[in-house]
Amino acid sequence: MRKVFYFFTVLLFNSACLLAQVGIGTEFPTATLDVNGRVLVQKKLYLENPGSYTGEENSSFLVINNNDAIHKYNVASSSFGPINYVQFVVRNVSNQGLRGGFNTKISADNYTIAVHGFYFLRSSDNDTNISFRKTSGQPTTNRTRYVEGQQFYAYIQDGTWWLKAFVNNSQFYVGNTLANPDIYMDVIIYKNNFITKIFSEVQTVDMEKNPTKTVPLPAGF
């Protein structure tokens, strides 16, 4: 009887150890391991099965400022990001395309933008069967024999970024009818002081009439 009681006591003690919560820097732990203070990891830290985030959709980041004060930061209300994306839709464009340019009003001093994708639809009914035809040349049937270069790009004018969208020497058609397209341009906007380094020195290379040439690496790379 004594041995059975002794074994039962040890079993209860071991079970209590397995279920206990350990607190470091706190007398009342609220988790299996509750640390109140700084944690120093000098080697590797493994997180086994940490799970996925299950918080509310409108949750915000908590950030700490230089005075160690914690503030709520809502990304949706941020005035800018290091990399941004926007789609510009220019509706009912001339059948010549957007040749004169469209001013995005985005500062070239603060941002760099690039058109990374585009498509177009007929403005009146969203018809996707748009083709390009040469605007000159006889007979008329010969106009369909040429594939002209497409130009959808961003450029700087008067300190802001502009967009152009057209096809060289061509007009927009649906079948044999001239079409006024809606042009969709996907634009990436980079904030200059986050990811770019501006070099004022102009890199000039004299090819000396050679097809190839090895030049020195620009400064800063």
Protein backbone atom coordinates (compact mmCIF):
# COMPACT_ATOMS: atom_id res chain seq x y z
CA MET A 1 0.00 0.00 0.00
CA ARG A 2 2.86 2.36 0.74
CA LYS A 3 4.42 1.83 -2.66
CA VAL A 4 1.18 2.47 -4.48
CA PHE A 5 0.64 5.74 -2.58
CA TYR A 6 4.18 6.86 -3.33
CA PHE A 7 3.75 6.19 -7.05
CA PHE A 8 0.45 8.04 -7.11
CA THR A 9 2.03 11.08 -5.45
CA VAL A 10 4.84 11.21 -8.01
CA LEU A 11 2.33 10.91 -10.82
CA LEU A 12 0.33 13.87 -9.55
CA PHE A 13 3.51 15.93 -9.10
CA ASN A 14 4.71 15.23 -12.64
CA SER A 15 1.29 16.11 -14.09
CA ALA A 16 1.28 19.42 -12.23
CA CYS A 17 4.74 20.26 -13.63
CA LEU A 18 3.57 19.51 -17.15
CA LEU A 19 0.53 21.76 -16.84
CA ALA A 20 2.16 24.62 -14.93
CA GLN A 21 2.68 28.11 -16.39
CA VAL A 22 6.15 29.60 -16.02
CA GLY A 23 6.59 33.30 -15.37
CA ILE A 24 9.84 35.27 -15.73
CA GLY A 25 9.63 38.72 -14.20
CA THR A 26 6.00 38.16 -13.19
CA GLU A 27 4.35 36.25 -10.32
CA PHE A 28 1.18 35.59 -12.27
CA PRO A 29 1.97 34.13 -15.72
CA THR A 30 -0.86 34.14 -18.22
CA ALA A 31 0.71 31.73 -20.75
CA THR A 32 2.84 28.60 -20.77
CA LEU A 33 5.85 30.93 -20.76
CA ASP A 34 5.19 34.55 -19.73
CA VAL A 35 8.23 36.86 -19.92
CA ASN A 36 7.93 40.39 -18.53
CA GLY A 37 11.07 42.13 -19.78
CA ARG A 38 13.63 41.93 -22.57
CA VAL A 39 14.51 38.65 -24.26
CA LEU A 40 18.06 38.10 -25.53
CA VAL A 41 18.52 35.35 -28.12
CA GLN A 42 22.20 34.77 -28.86
CA LYS A 43 21.80 31.83 -31.21
CA LYS A 44 18.78 30.47 -33.08
CA LEU A 45 15.13 30.92 -32.16
CA TYR A 46 12.66 28.34 -33.48
CA LEU A 47 8.93 28.99 -33.65
CA GLU A 48 7.12 25.69 -34.06
CA ASN A 49 3.75 26.01 -35.78
CA PRO A 50 3.14 29.70 -35.00
CA GLY A 51 -0.20 29.66 -36.86
CA SER A 52 -1.74 32.42 -38.96
CA TYR A 53 -2.95 35.90 -38.06
CA THR A 54 -6.59 35.84 -36.97
CA GLY A 55 -7.10 39.48 -35.98
CA GLU A 56 -9.77 41.83 -37.23
CA GLU A 57 -9.61 43.13 -40.79
CA ASN A 58 -9.42 46.75 -39.68
CA SER A 59 -6.43 46.17 -37.39
CA SER A 60 -3.52 48.59 -37.51
CA PHE A 61 0.23 48.41 -36.96
CA LEU A 62 1.74 49.51 -33.66
CA VAL A 63 4.91 51.54 -34.14
CA ILE A 64 7.36 53.00 -31.65
CA ASN A 65 8.83 56.48 -32.03
CA ASN A 66 12.21 57.86 -30.95
CA ASN A 67 10.86 58.50 -27.44
CA ASP A 68 9.84 54.84 -27.02
CA ALA A 69 6.17 55.80 -27.22
CA ILE A 70 3.88 53.35 -29.00
CA HIS A 71 1.39 54.69 -31.54
CA LYS A 72 -1.20 53.14 -33.81
CA TYR A 73 -0.30 53.39 -37.51
CA ASN A 74 -2.97 52.83 -40.12
CA VAL A 75 -1.49 52.09 -43.55
CA ALA A 76 -4.72 53.12 -45.29
CA SER A 77 -4.35 56.68 -43.98
CA SER A 78 -0.68 56.97 -44.92
CA SER A 79 0.12 59.86 -47.26
CA PHE A 80 2.58 57.79 -49.31
CA GLY A 81 4.35 54.47 -49.56
CA PRO A 82 7.82 53.58 -50.89
CA ILE A 83 6.21 51.72 -53.80
CA ASN A 84 2.70 52.55 -55.03
CA TYR A 85 0.45 51.28 -57.78
CA VAL A 86 -2.28 53.10 -59.66
CA GLN A 87 -4.24 52.50 -62.85
CA PHE A 88 -4.86 55.52 -65.06
CA VAL A 89 -7.92 55.25 -67.32
CA VAL A 90 -8.08 57.82 -70.12
CA ARG A 91 -11.52 57.61 -71.70
CA ASN A 92 -12.78 58.40 -75.20
CA VAL A 93 -9.33 59.16 -76.58
CA SER A 94 -8.83 60.35 -80.16
CA ASN A 95 -8.46 57.57 -82.72
CA GLN A 96 -4.89 58.88 -83.10
CA GLY A 97 -4.16 57.84 -79.52
CA LEU A 98 -2.91 59.90 -76.60
CA ARG A 99 -0.19 61.69 -78.53
CA GLY A 100 -0.26 65.08 -76.80
CA GLY A 101 0.39 63.57 -73.39
CA PHE A 102 -1.51 63.42 -70.12
CA ASN A 103 -0.21 65.25 -67.04
CA THR A 104 -0.42 63.02 -63.94
CA LYS A 105 0.62 65.99 -61.71
CA ILE A 106 3.03 63.62 -59.93
CA SER A 107 6.23 65.42 -58.92
CA ALA A 108 9.33 64.21 -60.74
CA ASP A 109 11.48 65.50 -57.85
CA ASN A 110 9.84 63.14 -55.38
CA TYR A 111 8.76 60.17 -57.49
CA THR A 112 9.77 57.97 -60.39
CA ILE A 113 7.00 56.25 -62.34
CA ALA A 114 6.92 53.56 -65.01
CA VAL A 115 4.15 52.08 -67.17
CA HIS A 116 4.33 48.32 -66.66
CA GLY A 117 1.17 47.28 -68.49
CA PHE A 118 -1.68 48.59 -70.63
CA TYR A 119 -4.75 47.63 -72.64
CA PHE A 120 -7.52 49.43 -74.51
CA LEU A 121 -11.21 49.02 -75.34
CA ARG A 122 -13.54 50.85 -77.72
CA SER A 123 -15.07 53.62 -75.65
CA SER A 124 -18.63 53.23 -76.95
CA ASP A 125 -19.16 49.53 -76.15
CA ASN A 126 -15.92 48.12 -74.62
CA ASP A 127 -15.23 46.10 -77.79
CA THR A 128 -11.81 44.43 -77.46
CA ASN A 129 -11.34 43.77 -81.18
CA ILE A 130 -9.21 46.87 -81.74
CA SER A 131 -6.51 46.86 -84.42
CA PHE A 132 -4.09 49.40 -85.85
CA ARG A 133 -4.02 50.66 -89.41
CA LYS A 134 -1.48 52.80 -91.15
CA THR A 135 -2.84 56.32 -91.66
CA SER A 136 -1.31 56.87 -95.08
CA GLY A 137 -0.41 54.94 -98.19
CA GLN A 138 -2.21 53.74 -101.31
CA PRO A 139 -3.98 51.57 -102.06
CA THR A 140 -6.01 51.34 -98.88
CA THR A 141 -5.52 47.56 -98.62
CA ASN A 142 -1.78 48.05 -98.19
CA ARG A 143 -2.34 49.86 -94.91
CA THR A 144 -2.94 46.55 -93.11
CA ARG A 145 0.45 45.16 -94.10
CA TYR A 146 2.41 47.14 -91.51
CA VAL A 147 2.83 46.61 -87.78
CA GLU A 148 3.84 49.88 -86.19
CA GLY A 149 5.64 50.37 -82.88
CA GLN A 150 3.46 50.88 -79.82
CA GLN A 151 4.45 53.69 -77.48
CA PHE A 152 2.96 53.58 -73.98
CA TYR A 153 5.37 55.32 -71.63
CA ALA A 154 5.95 57.93 -68.90
CA TYR A 155 8.18 60.98 -69.29
CA ILE A 156 9.04 64.19 -67.43
CA GLN A 157 7.82 67.59 -68.59
CA ASP A 158 7.84 70.82 -66.58
CA GLY A 159 8.71 69.00 -63.37
CA THR A 160 5.88 66.43 -63.42
CA TRP A 161 5.33 63.00 -64.93
CA TRP A 162 3.28 62.72 -68.13
CA LEU A 163 1.89 59.68 -69.98
CA LYS A 164 1.66 58.99 -73.71
CA ALA A 165 -0.15 56.14 -75.46
CA PHE A 166 -0.23 55.72 -79.23
CA VAL A 167 0.95 53.63 -82.17
CA ASN A 168 3.37 55.10 -84.69
CA ASN A 169 1.70 56.24 -87.94
CA SER A 170 -1.48 54.37 -87.06
CA GLN A 171 -5.03 54.89 -85.87
CA PHE A 172 -7.31 52.73 -83.73
CA TYR A 173 -9.88 50.67 -85.67
CA VAL A 174 -12.60 48.15 -84.94
CA GLY A 175 -13.04 46.32 -88.21
CA ASN A 176 -12.95 49.02 -90.88
CA THR A 177 -14.31 51.73 -88.59
CA LEU A 178 -12.19 54.27 -86.77
CA ALA A 179 -12.49 53.81 -83.00
CA ASN A 180 -12.06 56.07 -80.01
CA PRO A 181 -10.51 53.92 -77.27
CA ASP A 182 -10.52 53.93 -73.50
CA ILE A 183 -6.85 53.41 -72.60
CA TYR A 184 -5.91 51.67 -69.35
CA MET A 185 -2.33 52.11 -68.11
CA ASP A 186 -0.96 50.32 -65.04
CA VAL A 187 1.63 52.55 -63.42
CA ILE A 188 4.11 51.83 -60.62
CA ILE A 189 5.19 54.86 -58.60
CA TYR A 190 8.47 54.75 -56.66
CA LYS A 191 9.33 57.27 -53.96
CA ASN A 192 12.79 58.55 -54.83
CA ASN A 193 14.31 58.90 -51.37
CA PHE A 194 13.33 55.35 -50.44
CA ILE A 195 14.78 53.30 -53.28
CA THR A 196 16.73 55.51 -55.68
CA LYS A 197 20.01 57.32 -55.62
CA ILE A 198 20.27 60.26 -57.99
CA PHE A 199 23.60 60.80 -59.75
CA SER A 200 24.08 64.26 -61.18
CA GLU A 201 27.13 63.26 -63.22
CA VAL A 202 26.31 62.48 -66.85
CA GLN A 203 27.76 59.18 -68.11
CA THR A 204 29.14 59.86 -71.61
CA VAL A 205 30.51 56.99 -73.70
CA ASP A 206 32.30 57.48 -77.02
CA MET A 207 31.83 54.27 -79.02
CA GLU A 208 34.51 55.37 -81.53
CA LYS A 209 32.46 53.73 -84.32
CA ASN A 210 32.79 50.32 -82.66
CA PRO A 211 29.78 47.99 -82.20
CA THR A 212 30.85 47.08 -78.65
CA LYS A 213 33.00 48.63 -75.99
CA THR A 214 33.95 48.09 -72.34
CA VAL A 215 33.43 51.16 -70.17
CA PRO A 216 34.31 51.89 -66.52
CA LEU A 217 31.73 51.17 -63.83
CA PRO A 218 29.79 54.34 -62.86
CA ALA A 219 30.68 55.81 -59.48
CA GLY A 220 28.58 54.55 -56.57
CA PHE A 221 27.98 51.01 -57.91
